[in-house]
């Protein structure tokens, strides 16, 4: 998440569009890696959240 912050600060300082797009791609890469790490850890913490869908009829 530190890398996300650094990429965001770098993006805010860009004055050239092509460099801004490149930095935004780097920021997006770091965000995707952080989300993947989160989804990879959750099934080990709580087995019931391992990707199964809940029955929507129960919530009516």
N, C-alpha and C. Protein backbone atom coordinates (compact mmCIF):
# COMPACT_ATOMS: atom_id res chain seq x y z
N UNK A 1 0.82 -1.18 0.00
CA UNK A 1 0.00 0.00 0.00
C UNK A 1 0.87 1.25 0.00
N UNK A 2 2.07 1.11 0.50
CA UNK A 2 3.00 2.24 0.45
C UNK A 2 3.32 2.57 -1.01
N UNK A 3 3.50 1.53 -1.82
CA UNK A 3 3.79 1.75 -3.24
C UNK A 3 2.62 2.43 -3.95
N UNK A 4 1.38 2.09 -3.53
CA UNK A 4 0.21 2.77 -4.09
C UNK A 4 0.27 4.27 -3.78
N UNK A 5 0.61 4.59 -2.55
CA UNK A 5 0.70 6.00 -2.16
C UNK A 5 1.79 6.74 -2.92
N UNK A 6 2.93 6.09 -3.09
CA UNK A 6 4.02 6.72 -3.84
C UNK A 6 3.61 6.95 -5.29
N UNK A 7 2.94 5.95 -5.89
CA UNK A 7 2.49 6.09 -7.28
C UNK A 7 1.45 7.20 -7.40
N UNK A 8 0.58 7.33 -6.41
CA UNK A 8 -0.44 8.38 -6.46
C UNK A 8 0.19 9.77 -6.33
N UNK A 9 1.18 9.90 -5.47
CA UNK A 9 1.87 11.19 -5.34
C UNK A 9 2.61 11.51 -6.64
N UNK A 10 3.25 10.52 -7.23
CA UNK A 10 3.94 10.74 -8.50
C UNK A 10 2.95 11.13 -9.58
N UNK A 11 1.78 10.49 -9.60
CA UNK A 11 0.74 10.82 -10.59
C UNK A 11 0.27 12.27 -10.43
N UNK A 12 0.14 12.71 -9.20
CA UNK A 12 -0.34 14.08 -8.98
C UNK A 12 0.67 15.14 -9.43
N UNK A 13 1.94 14.75 -9.58
CA UNK A 13 2.97 15.70 -9.97
C UNK A 13 3.26 15.71 -11.48
N UNK A 14 2.58 14.85 -12.23
CA UNK A 14 2.83 14.74 -13.67
C UNK A 14 2.21 15.89 -14.44
N UNK A 15 2.97 16.41 -15.42
CA UNK A 15 2.48 17.48 -16.28
C UNK A 15 2.40 17.03 -17.73
N UNK A 16 2.88 15.83 -18.01
CA UNK A 16 2.85 15.28 -19.37
C UNK A 16 1.86 14.12 -19.37
N UNK A 17 0.93 14.14 -20.32
CA UNK A 17 -0.14 13.15 -20.33
C UNK A 17 0.39 11.72 -20.45
N UNK A 18 1.35 11.48 -21.32
CA UNK A 18 1.85 10.11 -21.50
C UNK A 18 2.51 9.58 -20.22
N UNK A 19 3.22 10.42 -19.49
CA UNK A 19 3.81 10.00 -18.22
C UNK A 19 2.73 9.76 -17.17
N UNK A 20 1.70 10.60 -17.17
CA UNK A 20 0.61 10.43 -16.22
C UNK A 20 -0.11 9.11 -16.45
N UNK A 21 -0.32 8.74 -17.70
CA UNK A 21 -0.97 7.47 -18.01
C UNK A 21 -0.08 6.30 -17.56
N UNK A 22 1.20 6.39 -17.78
CA UNK A 22 2.12 5.34 -17.34
C UNK A 22 2.12 5.17 -15.83
N UNK A 23 2.15 6.27 -15.11
CA UNK A 23 2.12 6.21 -13.64
C UNK A 23 0.79 5.66 -13.16
N UNK A 24 -0.31 6.01 -13.85
CA UNK A 24 -1.62 5.48 -13.46
C UNK A 24 -1.67 3.97 -13.68
N UNK A 25 -1.01 3.48 -14.72
CA UNK A 25 -0.94 2.04 -14.94
C UNK A 25 -0.15 1.35 -13.83
N UNK A 26 0.92 1.97 -13.40
CA UNK A 26 1.72 1.42 -12.29
C UNK A 26 0.88 1.40 -11.01
N UNK A 27 0.15 2.48 -10.76
CA UNK A 27 -0.74 2.55 -9.59
C UNK A 27 -1.77 1.43 -9.65
N UNK A 28 -2.37 1.23 -10.83
CA UNK A 28 -3.37 0.18 -11.00
C UNK A 28 -2.77 -1.20 -10.73
N UNK A 29 -1.55 -1.42 -11.15
CA UNK A 29 -0.87 -2.69 -10.91
C UNK A 29 -0.73 -2.94 -9.41
N UNK A 30 -0.32 -1.93 -8.66
CA UNK A 30 -0.18 -2.08 -7.21
C UNK A 30 -1.53 -2.34 -6.55
N UNK A 31 -2.58 -1.68 -7.02
CA UNK A 31 -3.92 -1.90 -6.45
C UNK A 31 -4.36 -3.34 -6.71
N UNK A 32 -4.15 -3.83 -7.93
CA UNK A 32 -4.54 -5.21 -8.26
C UNK A 32 -3.76 -6.21 -7.41
N UNK A 33 -2.49 -5.95 -7.15
CA UNK A 33 -1.70 -6.87 -6.32
C UNK A 33 -2.20 -6.87 -4.88
N UNK A 34 -2.59 -5.70 -4.37
CA UNK A 34 -3.10 -5.63 -3.00
C UNK A 34 -4.43 -6.37 -2.89
N UNK A 35 -5.30 -6.23 -3.88
CA UNK A 35 -6.58 -6.94 -3.86
C UNK A 35 -6.36 -8.44 -3.96
N UNK A 36 -5.45 -8.87 -4.80
CA UNK A 36 -5.16 -10.29 -4.92
C UNK A 36 -4.64 -10.88 -3.63
N UNK A 37 -3.82 -10.13 -2.93
CA UNK A 37 -3.30 -10.60 -1.65
C UNK A 37 -4.43 -10.74 -0.64
N UNK A 38 -5.38 -9.81 -0.67
CA UNK A 38 -6.52 -9.88 0.25
C UNK A 38 -7.37 -11.10 -0.04
N UNK A 39 -7.72 -11.33 -1.30
CA UNK A 39 -8.55 -12.47 -1.65
C UNK A 39 -7.82 -13.78 -1.45
N UNK A 40 -6.51 -13.78 -1.48
CA UNK A 40 -5.75 -14.99 -1.25
C UNK A 40 -5.67 -15.37 0.22
N UNK A 41 -5.80 -14.41 1.13
CA UNK A 41 -5.66 -14.66 2.55
C UNK A 41 -7.00 -14.99 3.20
N UNK A 42 -8.10 -14.43 2.72
CA UNK A 42 -9.41 -14.58 3.36
C UNK A 42 -9.81 -16.04 3.55
N UNK A 43 -9.67 -16.93 2.56
CA UNK A 43 -10.09 -18.32 2.81
C UNK A 43 -9.33 -19.02 3.94
N UNK A 44 -8.11 -18.58 4.24
CA UNK A 44 -7.36 -19.18 5.34
C UNK A 44 -7.82 -18.66 6.69
N UNK A 45 -8.42 -17.48 6.71
CA UNK A 45 -8.89 -16.89 7.96
C UNK A 45 -10.29 -17.37 8.29
N UNK A 46 -11.19 -17.36 7.29
CA UNK A 46 -12.58 -17.74 7.51
C UNK A 46 -12.99 -18.68 6.39
N UNK A 47 -13.11 -19.96 6.69
CA UNK A 47 -13.40 -20.97 5.68
C UNK A 47 -14.75 -20.73 5.00
N UNK A 48 -15.70 -20.09 5.68
CA UNK A 48 -17.02 -19.89 5.08
C UNK A 48 -17.02 -18.82 4.01
N UNK A 49 -15.95 -18.03 3.91
CA UNK A 49 -15.87 -16.98 2.90
C UNK A 49 -14.99 -17.39 1.73
N UNK A 50 -14.90 -18.66 1.45
CA UNK A 50 -14.01 -19.18 0.44
C UNK A 50 -14.57 -19.16 -0.97
N UNK A 51 -15.46 -18.25 -1.29
CA UNK A 51 -15.97 -18.13 -2.64
C UNK A 51 -17.33 -18.74 -2.86
N UNK A 52 -17.95 -19.29 -1.84
CA UNK A 52 -19.29 -19.84 -1.99
C UNK A 52 -20.31 -18.73 -1.99
N UNK A 53 -21.37 -18.91 -2.78
CA UNK A 53 -22.45 -17.92 -2.80
C UNK A 53 -23.42 -18.23 -1.69
N UNK A 54 -23.91 -17.20 -1.08
CA UNK A 54 -24.93 -17.38 -0.05
C UNK A 54 -26.29 -17.51 -0.71
N UNK A 55 -27.20 -18.16 -0.04
CA UNK A 55 -28.54 -18.33 -0.56
C UNK A 55 -29.30 -17.02 -0.40
N UNK A 56 -29.65 -16.38 -1.51
CA UNK A 56 -30.30 -15.07 -1.48
C UNK A 56 -31.71 -15.14 -0.91
N UNK A 57 -32.35 -16.31 -0.97
CA UNK A 57 -33.72 -16.42 -0.48
C UNK A 57 -33.77 -16.30 1.03
N UNK A 58 -32.68 -16.58 1.72
CA UNK A 58 -32.69 -16.47 3.19
C UNK A 58 -32.85 -15.04 3.65
N UNK A 59 -32.43 -14.08 2.86
CA UNK A 59 -32.39 -12.68 3.28
C UNK A 59 -33.67 -11.93 3.01
N UNK A 60 -34.68 -12.59 2.45
CA UNK A 60 -35.97 -11.90 2.18
C UNK A 60 -36.80 -11.74 3.40
